[in-house]
Every structure is written in structure tokens, then in C-alpha cells.
Amino acid sequence: MAATTQIDASLDATPPDPGRAQPLIEGLCGAINRIFVGKPDVVDAFIVALLARGHVLLEDVPGVGKTTLAKTLARSVDASFQRIQCTPDLLPSDISGTYIYNQQTAEFELRPGPIFANFVLADEINRATPRTQSALLEAMEEATVTLDRETRPLPEVFMLIATQNPIEYQGTYALPEAQKDRFLMRLSLGYLDAAHEIEMLDQQQDQSPLEQLAPVMSLDELLLLQGMVRGVFVDPKIKDYIVRLINTTRRDPQVQLGASPRGSLGLMHAAQALALIRGRAFVQPQDVKDIALPVLAHRMILRGQGQRGGGAGIAYVRELLRNVPPVAEVAR
């Protein structure tokens, strides 16, 4: 956990200004919701992860829009985007890059891999081998990549968005527990209702509206918002509530492996981001409760469960939120 603490300390907090933040956030939400229709709650959670500088695992059946959501977010911000199509023959160097000998200069030069973009989509991440999946661990945790014993920083804005199909097992490799824990959130999209599916058909009858999407936020504006998130006030009582939730998962006999300290940090940062999105410069207990499910459900192994998360993990977190009493609202 030393690496996580070091990263968090390196982020400059900016005094939150909800009046300045709201137009930027509303513009980003509006742009994404115009393309990715019918799932405003998922979009809000996705933006929480972005503002909290977290990574997201999109886990759902094929065809529900996982890749579309990732592309829409990337195009809404004026930033670089790379897609990695994960396959069993993908090598770590295909992600991080490699050194190529330049005959003209008689020197080896780095050819950066797709990991050096602001937004990186790792499509069907569980089709990559464990060796290749492990190439993402350093990037996700420390925002650096080590090549030939030289450590290189990733862009200041860096977000990994990974997708996987939870019902297909042939030719796939389960994500290591350490890697799952590095995702701030795991989100499931679900199917559209009939009205929104008709709206989607109307939108894409002639061409995809994604092709016409122009950026609505600059990298500087995004960095400003991310700095504001870290400046959102968290009352000691809120921190105590977060720790009580996390500690309950570690003591509960029905849980084989509870949430990690990284989970505590992730829940606090996500609650800070949600508070700013809601126009406040301080966190309320309801912010913690509303964002706890996608932050915590994938971080625990329940007894009798072969892997983290899943429906059992979601049900457990809902029960956890009912059983652990929250603190009173904070006056600020």
C-alpha cells in the first residue's frame, strides 16, 4: 500500500468551487448521455471514477455498449485515446512498447505502446494471458511503466477502462485479485428499456452519433476538476463510517477476504467526486452509501464463492449498507 499512499500524496488538491465545477461536469454528463442513452446512473458513476482518478472494469454481456461508453468518454475530453484488443497472443511489449534500433542515429529509441495514452481501452481484458495482464499492474497503481530497467511516467491524466464478458469462460483467463483491486469500480450496464432502445435505433439509423461527437472538456479543465475532488472536505465522522464499513467486511464470517485499505481510499475519493458532482464542497454519508456498491462489490471473496464480486458480492454490499449505521449528516 505504500505505492498508493505515495500516489495520493503527489496529487495537488485544489479548493473546491462547485459553482465553477458544475457547468463543466454538466457539459460532460450531457455529451455522454446524448450518445450513451438510457443509463444516466452508469454515466454518473463513470464520471465519478474519472474525477477520482480511478480505473473502471465494465463487466457485462456482449452488445450492451461497453466499448461505446468508453469511446464516448474519451471523445468527450480533448485527450489521447488508444484501444488494446486483448487476445491470448498479446505480449506485454504490445502494451508498454519496445526499443527499436535506429540505424541512422545508431541508438535504440523507444516506440511507446498504447498504454501511454490518456484513455486506454483494454477490450476483453480476460482474453489476455496472466503475464500480459500483469503488464498493466504498474501502470494502474503507480502511473509509470518500466522498460529495460528505465521507469517512464504515464500522462498526468491516465485512465484504464477494461471490458470483459462474465459468462464466457472458454479461452479466457481470470483477472488476478491484485489487478481487480486496482479498479476503482466495476460497473455493469444491463439492457436498455424499450423506449431507450428505440431512441438508440433512431440515433443510429443513418450513422453513429459518436462520429460527430466533439470534445466538451479540455485536459486542463479535467485536471482542475480532479484537483477540486481531492480538496472536497471529508469530516472525521465520514472517515470513521468508511472504515467501519471496510472493517465489517474483514470480520464477517461469511467473507473469506474483505476489502483492502485501497478499498477505503477508493471509497473516500469516489465519495468526494460524487459530492462535487452534486454541487457540494463536503462529503455527506449518503454520498458514501450511493457509491459504495460499484466500489466495494468486486473487492471481496465470499465463502463458497470461487471469485470476487458477482451477484453475491452485490447482495452482500447492499446488506452491509443496511446493517452498518451511517453517521448523521455533516453541517459545513
Protein backbone atom coordinates (compact mmCIF):
# COMPACT_ATOMS: atom_id res chain seq x y z
CA MET A 1 0.00 0.00 0.00
CA ALA A 2 3.00 2.32 0.15
CA ALA A 3 2.69 2.96 -3.56
CA THR A 4 -0.94 4.01 -3.24
CA THR A 5 -0.16 6.43 -0.43
CA GLN A 6 2.68 7.91 -2.43
CA ILE A 7 0.46 8.47 -5.46
CA ASP A 8 -2.30 10.07 -3.39
CA ALA A 9 0.18 12.42 -1.73
CA SER A 10 1.51 13.54 -5.11
CA LEU A 11 -1.86 14.84 -6.27
CA ASP A 12 -2.33 18.56 -5.72
CA ALA A 13 -5.64 19.35 -4.05
CA THR A 14 -7.45 22.48 -5.26
CA PRO A 15 -10.01 24.33 -3.12
CA PRO A 16 -13.34 23.08 -4.50
CA ASP A 17 -15.52 25.61 -6.30
CA PRO A 18 -18.87 23.91 -7.07
CA GLY A 19 -20.08 26.98 -8.96
CA ARG A 20 -17.19 26.67 -11.39
CA ALA A 21 -17.24 22.87 -11.47
CA GLN A 22 -20.95 22.38 -12.14
CA PRO A 23 -21.05 23.76 -15.73
CA LEU A 24 -18.05 21.63 -16.69
CA ILE A 25 -19.50 18.48 -15.15
CA GLU A 26 -22.97 19.07 -16.60
CA GLY A 27 -21.48 19.61 -20.05
CA LEU A 28 -19.57 16.32 -19.84
CA CYS A 29 -22.60 14.40 -18.50
CA GLY A 30 -24.81 15.86 -21.22
CA ALA A 31 -22.41 14.94 -24.02
CA ILE A 32 -22.09 11.33 -22.85
CA ASN A 33 -25.82 10.88 -22.15
CA ARG A 34 -26.68 12.12 -25.66
CA ILE A 35 -24.67 9.26 -27.14
CA PHE A 36 -24.99 6.59 -24.46
CA VAL A 37 -28.73 6.81 -23.86
CA GLY A 38 -30.82 5.32 -21.09
CA LYS A 39 -28.16 4.77 -18.42
CA PRO A 40 -27.65 8.06 -16.53
CA ASP A 41 -26.70 6.30 -13.29
CA VAL A 42 -23.93 4.38 -15.04
CA VAL A 43 -22.70 7.57 -16.70
CA ASP A 44 -22.65 9.37 -13.35
CA ALA A 45 -20.62 6.55 -11.77
CA PHE A 46 -18.25 6.57 -14.74
CA ILE A 47 -17.65 10.30 -14.30
CA VAL A 48 -17.12 9.78 -10.57
CA ALA A 49 -14.32 7.35 -11.43
CA LEU A 50 -12.83 9.81 -13.91
CA LEU A 51 -12.81 12.70 -11.44
CA ALA A 52 -11.45 10.44 -8.67
CA ARG A 53 -8.59 9.33 -10.97
CA GLY A 54 -9.74 5.73 -10.86
CA HIS A 55 -9.86 2.87 -13.35
CA VAL A 56 -13.06 1.09 -14.36
CA LEU A 57 -13.90 -2.52 -15.18
CA LEU A 58 -17.00 -2.79 -17.38
CA GLU A 59 -18.37 -6.29 -16.94
CA ASP A 60 -21.43 -7.35 -18.91
CA VAL A 61 -22.68 -9.48 -21.77
CA PRO A 62 -21.72 -8.60 -25.37
CA GLY A 63 -23.53 -5.86 -27.24
CA VAL A 64 -24.77 -3.66 -24.37
CA GLY A 65 -22.43 -0.76 -25.13
CA LYS A 66 -19.31 -1.28 -23.02
CA THR A 67 -16.95 -0.16 -25.79
CA THR A 68 -19.30 2.64 -26.86
CA LEU A 69 -19.32 4.08 -23.34
CA ALA A 70 -15.52 4.03 -23.16
CA LYS A 71 -15.15 5.67 -26.57
CA THR A 72 -17.77 8.30 -25.76
CA LEU A 73 -15.97 9.36 -22.59
CA ALA A 74 -12.64 9.52 -24.40
CA ARG A 75 -14.04 11.62 -27.24
CA SER A 76 -15.82 13.98 -24.86
CA VAL A 77 -12.46 15.05 -23.42
CA ASP A 78 -9.81 16.56 -25.69
CA ALA A 79 -7.27 13.83 -24.93
CA SER A 80 -5.47 10.89 -26.50
CA PHE A 81 -7.19 7.51 -26.73
CA GLN A 82 -5.85 4.05 -27.52
CA ARG A 83 -7.60 0.71 -27.75
CA ILE A 84 -5.98 -2.61 -26.94
CA GLN A 85 -7.81 -5.65 -28.29
CA CYS A 86 -6.78 -8.32 -25.81
CA THR A 87 -6.09 -11.77 -27.26
CA PRO A 88 -4.14 -14.80 -25.98
CA ASP A 89 -1.17 -13.93 -28.22
CA LEU A 90 -0.91 -10.33 -26.96
CA LEU A 91 2.52 -9.68 -25.42
CA PRO A 92 3.43 -7.26 -22.61
CA SER A 93 5.55 -5.30 -25.10
CA ASP A 94 2.44 -4.83 -27.26
CA ILE A 95 1.04 -2.79 -24.37
CA SER A 96 4.05 -0.98 -22.95
CA GLY A 97 6.14 -0.55 -26.10
CA THR A 98 9.65 -1.59 -27.05
CA TYR A 99 13.02 -0.19 -28.02
CA ILE A 100 13.84 -0.18 -31.74
CA TYR A 101 17.35 0.26 -33.12
CA ASN A 102 17.68 3.36 -35.30
CA GLN A 103 20.38 2.77 -37.87
CA GLN A 104 20.69 6.48 -38.66
CA THR A 105 21.44 7.52 -35.08
CA ALA A 106 22.98 4.16 -34.07
CA GLU A 107 20.82 4.28 -30.93
CA PHE A 108 17.88 2.39 -29.54
CA GLU A 109 14.72 4.51 -29.49
CA LEU A 110 11.53 3.85 -27.59
CA ARG A 111 8.45 3.10 -29.61
CA PRO A 112 5.76 3.77 -26.99
CA GLY A 113 2.91 1.33 -26.67
CA PRO A 114 -0.78 2.24 -26.36
CA ILE A 115 -0.50 2.44 -22.56
CA PHE A 116 0.98 5.94 -22.91
CA ALA A 117 -2.39 7.48 -23.89
CA ASN A 118 -4.70 9.45 -21.58
CA PHE A 119 -7.54 6.96 -22.00
CA VAL A 120 -6.77 3.31 -22.68
CA LEU A 121 -9.48 0.77 -23.51
CA ALA A 122 -8.44 -2.82 -22.79
CA ASP A 123 -11.20 -4.65 -24.63
CA GLU A 124 -11.94 -8.20 -23.39
CA ILE A 125 -9.12 -7.97 -20.88
CA ASN A 126 -9.71 -11.51 -19.63
CA ARG A 127 -8.65 -12.90 -23.02
CA ALA A 128 -5.07 -11.76 -22.38
CA THR A 129 -2.74 -14.16 -20.57
CA PRO A 130 -1.87 -13.51 -16.91
CA ARG A 131 1.66 -12.45 -17.96
CA THR A 132 0.22 -9.79 -20.25
CA GLN A 133 -2.42 -8.71 -17.72
CA SER A 134 0.36 -8.17 -15.18
CA ALA A 135 1.93 -5.60 -17.51
CA LEU A 136 -0.95 -3.31 -16.55
CA LEU A 137 -0.41 -3.50 -12.78
CA GLU A 138 2.37 -0.92 -12.52
CA ALA A 139 0.55 1.44 -14.88
CA MET A 140 -2.70 1.22 -12.90
CA GLU A 141 -1.15 1.67 -9.48
CA GLU A 142 1.84 3.97 -9.98
CA ALA A 143 1.10 5.65 -13.35
CA THR A 144 4.50 4.53 -14.61
CA VAL A 145 5.88 1.91 -16.99
CA THR A 146 9.27 0.25 -16.58
CA LEU A 147 11.03 -0.66 -19.82
CA ASP A 148 14.53 -2.12 -19.89
CA ARG A 149 15.05 -1.04 -16.24
CA GLU A 150 14.02 2.53 -17.05
CA THR A 151 10.86 3.88 -15.42
CA ARG A 152 8.81 6.27 -17.54
CA PRO A 153 5.82 8.27 -16.31
CA LEU A 154 2.42 7.99 -17.94
CA PRO A 155 0.40 11.12 -18.80
CA GLU A 156 -0.87 13.10 -15.82
CA VAL A 157 -4.40 12.16 -16.88
CA PHE A 158 -4.45 8.38 -17.24
CA MET A 159 -7.49 6.11 -17.05
CA LEU A 160 -7.69 2.43 -17.91
CA ILE A 161 -11.13 1.20 -18.98
CA ALA A 162 -11.31 -2.57 -19.26
CA THR A 163 -14.17 -4.72 -20.51
CA GLN A 164 -14.95 -8.37 -20.01
CA ASN A 165 -17.78 -10.82 -20.61
CA PRO A 166 -18.73 -12.50 -17.30
CA ILE A 167 -20.47 -15.51 -18.87
CA GLU A 168 -17.84 -16.63 -21.37
CA TYR A 169 -15.03 -18.77 -19.98
CA GLN A 170 -13.54 -20.61 -22.97
CA GLY A 171 -10.24 -19.03 -23.97
CA THR A 172 -10.26 -16.57 -21.05
CA TYR A 173 -8.08 -16.02 -18.00
CA ALA A 174 -9.48 -14.79 -14.70
CA LEU A 175 -8.10 -11.43 -13.61
CA PRO A 176 -5.62 -11.67 -10.72
CA GLU A 177 -7.04 -10.50 -7.42
CA ALA A 178 -4.36 -7.79 -7.19
CA GLN A 179 -5.47 -6.40 -10.53
CA LYS A 180 -9.18 -6.46 -9.68
CA ASP A 181 -8.43 -4.49 -6.54
CA ARG A 182 -6.75 -1.78 -8.62
CA PHE A 183 -10.00 -0.98 -10.41
CA LEU A 184 -11.81 1.75 -8.51
CA MET A 185 -15.14 0.47 -9.80
CA ARG A 186 -16.74 -2.45 -11.52
CA LEU A 187 -19.83 -1.43 -13.48
CA SER A 188 -22.49 -3.46 -15.27
CA LEU A 189 -24.59 -1.76 -17.92
CA GLY A 190 -27.60 -4.04 -18.41
CA TYR A 191 -30.09 -3.91 -21.26
CA LEU A 192 -31.98 -0.80 -22.32
CA ASP A 193 -35.69 -0.50 -21.72
CA ALA A 194 -37.90 -0.47 -24.83
CA ALA A 195 -38.20 3.32 -25.11
CA HIS A 196 -34.46 3.95 -24.90
CA GLU A 197 -33.70 1.09 -27.27
CA ILE A 198 -35.98 2.71 -29.85
CA GLU A 199 -34.17 6.02 -29.23
CA MET A 200 -30.88 4.25 -29.85
CA LEU A 201 -32.20 2.80 -33.12
CA ASP A 202 -33.34 6.25 -34.25
CA GLN A 203 -29.96 7.75 -33.40
CA GLN A 204 -28.00 5.16 -35.34
CA GLN A 205 -30.30 4.61 -38.30
CA ASP A 206 -28.01 6.51 -40.69
CA GLN A 207 -24.70 6.72 -38.82
CA SER A 208 -23.30 6.53 -35.33
CA PRO A 209 -23.63 9.85 -33.47
CA LEU A 210 -20.30 9.03 -31.86
CA GLU A 211 -18.59 10.04 -35.11
CA GLN A 212 -19.95 13.58 -34.76
CA LEU A 213 -19.07 14.00 -31.06
CA ALA A 214 -16.71 16.90 -30.38
CA PRO A 215 -14.76 17.36 -27.12
CA VAL A 216 -16.58 19.37 -24.46
CA MET A 217 -13.73 19.46 -21.92
CA SER A 218 -10.01 20.12 -22.16
CA LEU A 219 -7.33 18.23 -20.25
CA ASP A 220 -6.63 21.35 -18.18
CA GLU A 221 -10.29 21.55 -17.17
CA LEU A 222 -10.30 17.87 -16.27
CA LEU A 223 -7.15 18.31 -14.17
CA LEU A 224 -8.82 21.26 -12.43
CA LEU A 225 -11.84 19.12 -11.54
CA GLN A 226 -9.65 16.25 -10.34
CA GLY A 227 -7.77 18.66 -8.10
CA MET A 228 -11.04 20.01 -6.73
CA VAL A 229 -12.15 16.47 -5.86
CA ARG A 230 -9.13 15.98 -3.62
CA GLY A 231 -9.95 19.28 -1.92
CA VAL A 232 -13.53 18.24 -1.03
CA PHE A 233 -13.81 18.17 2.77
CA VAL A 234 -14.25 14.77 4.45
CA ASP A 235 -15.37 15.05 8.06
CA PRO A 236 -13.68 12.66 10.54
CA LYS A 237 -17.11 11.13 11.18
CA ILE A 238 -17.38 10.25 7.49
CA LYS A 239 -13.95 8.65 7.54
CA ASP A 240 -14.99 6.64 10.60
CA TYR A 241 -18.11 5.46 8.72
CA ILE A 242 -15.99 4.36 5.75
CA VAL A 243 -13.57 2.45 7.99
CA ARG A 244 -16.45 0.77 9.86
CA LEU A 245 -17.86 -0.44 6.53
CA ILE A 246 -14.49 -1.79 5.43
CA ASN A 247 -13.64 -3.38 8.79
CA THR A 248 -17.01 -5.15 8.87
CA THR A 249 -16.09 -6.97 5.65
CA ARG A 250 -12.87 -8.19 7.28
CA ARG A 251 -14.54 -9.53 10.45
CA ASP A 252 -17.66 -11.02 8.88
CA PRO A 253 -17.50 -14.86 8.99
CA GLN A 254 -19.31 -15.11 5.64
CA VAL A 255 -16.46 -13.18 3.96
CA GLN A 256 -13.28 -15.07 3.15
CA LEU A 257 -11.33 -11.97 2.08
CA GLY A 258 -12.53 -8.49 2.96
CA ALA A 259 -11.91 -5.16 1.31
CA SER A 260 -8.36 -3.80 1.38
CA PRO A 261 -7.09 -0.41 2.60
CA ARG A 262 -7.05 0.51 -1.09
CA GLY A 263 -10.80 0.00 -0.95
CA SER A 264 -11.06 2.53 1.90
CA LEU A 265 -9.13 5.11 -0.13
CA GLY A 266 -11.17 4.37 -3.22
CA LEU A 267 -14.47 4.76 -1.39
CA MET A 268 -13.41 8.08 0.12
CA HIS A 269 -12.15 9.51 -3.20
CA ALA A 270 -15.29 8.32 -5.01
CA ALA A 271 -17.50 9.94 -2.36
CA GLN A 272 -15.53 13.18 -2.74
CA ALA A 273 -16.10 13.12 -6.50
CA LEU A 274 -19.81 12.40 -6.09
CA ALA A 275 -20.15 15.27 -3.63
CA LEU A 276 -18.57 17.68 -6.13
CA ILE A 277 -20.85 16.39 -8.89
CA ARG A 278 -23.80 17.09 -6.59
CA GLY A 279 -22.61 20.67 -6.07
CA ARG A 280 -21.08 20.37 -2.61
CA ALA A 281 -17.60 21.01 -1.24
CA PHE A 282 -18.03 18.41 1.51
CA VAL A 283 -19.00 14.73 1.69
CA GLN A 284 -22.27 13.55 3.22
CA PRO A 285 -22.95 9.97 4.45
CA GLN A 286 -25.38 9.49 1.54
CA ASP A 287 -22.53 10.06 -0.93
CA VAL A 288 -20.67 7.12 0.62
CA LYS A 289 -23.76 4.91 0.55
CA ASP A 290 -24.66 5.79 -3.04
CA ILE A 291 -21.23 4.96 -4.48
CA ALA A 292 -20.24 2.03 -2.22
CA LEU A 293 -21.76 -0.71 -4.39
CA PRO A 294 -19.59 -0.32 -7.53
CA VAL A 295 -16.52 0.47 -5.40
CA LEU A 296 -16.71 -2.48 -2.98
CA ALA A 297 -18.58 -5.39 -4.56
CA HIS A 298 -15.63 -6.66 -6.62
CA ARG A 299 -13.09 -6.40 -3.78
CA MET A 300 -14.31 -9.26 -1.59
CA ILE A 301 -14.35 -13.04 -1.76
CA LEU A 302 -17.34 -14.58 -0.02
CA ARG A 303 -17.06 -18.03 1.46
CA GLY A 304 -18.28 -20.59 -1.03
CA GLN A 305 -17.69 -18.18 -3.95
CA GLY A 306 -14.99 -19.05 -6.45
CA GLN A 307 -14.21 -15.45 -7.31
CA ARG A 308 -14.80 -11.89 -6.19
CA GLY A 309 -17.85 -9.83 -6.92
CA GLY A 310 -20.72 -11.22 -8.95
CA GLY A 311 -24.30 -11.21 -7.78
CA ALA A 312 -23.34 -12.45 -4.33
CA GLY A 313 -20.91 -9.58 -3.85
CA ILE A 314 -23.55 -7.03 -4.85
CA ALA A 315 -26.10 -8.54 -2.48
CA TYR A 316 -23.55 -8.57 0.32
CA VAL A 317 -22.68 -4.86 -0.07
CA ARG A 318 -26.37 -3.94 -0.06
CA GLU A 319 -26.80 -5.88 3.17
CA LEU A 320 -23.66 -4.25 4.57
CA LEU A 321 -25.05 -0.77 3.92
CA ARG A 322 -28.28 -1.71 5.71
CA ASN A 323 -26.52 -3.18 8.75
CA VAL A 324 -23.76 -0.63 9.40
CA PRO A 325 -25.39 2.52 10.78
CA PRO A 326 -24.30 5.71 8.99
CA VAL A 327 -23.38 8.90 10.80
CA ALA A 328 -25.62 11.96 10.86
CA GLU A 329 -25.42 14.47 8.04
CA VAL A 330 -22.49 16.83 8.23
CA ALA A 331 -23.01 20.59 8.52
CA ARG A 332 -20.41 22.59 6.64
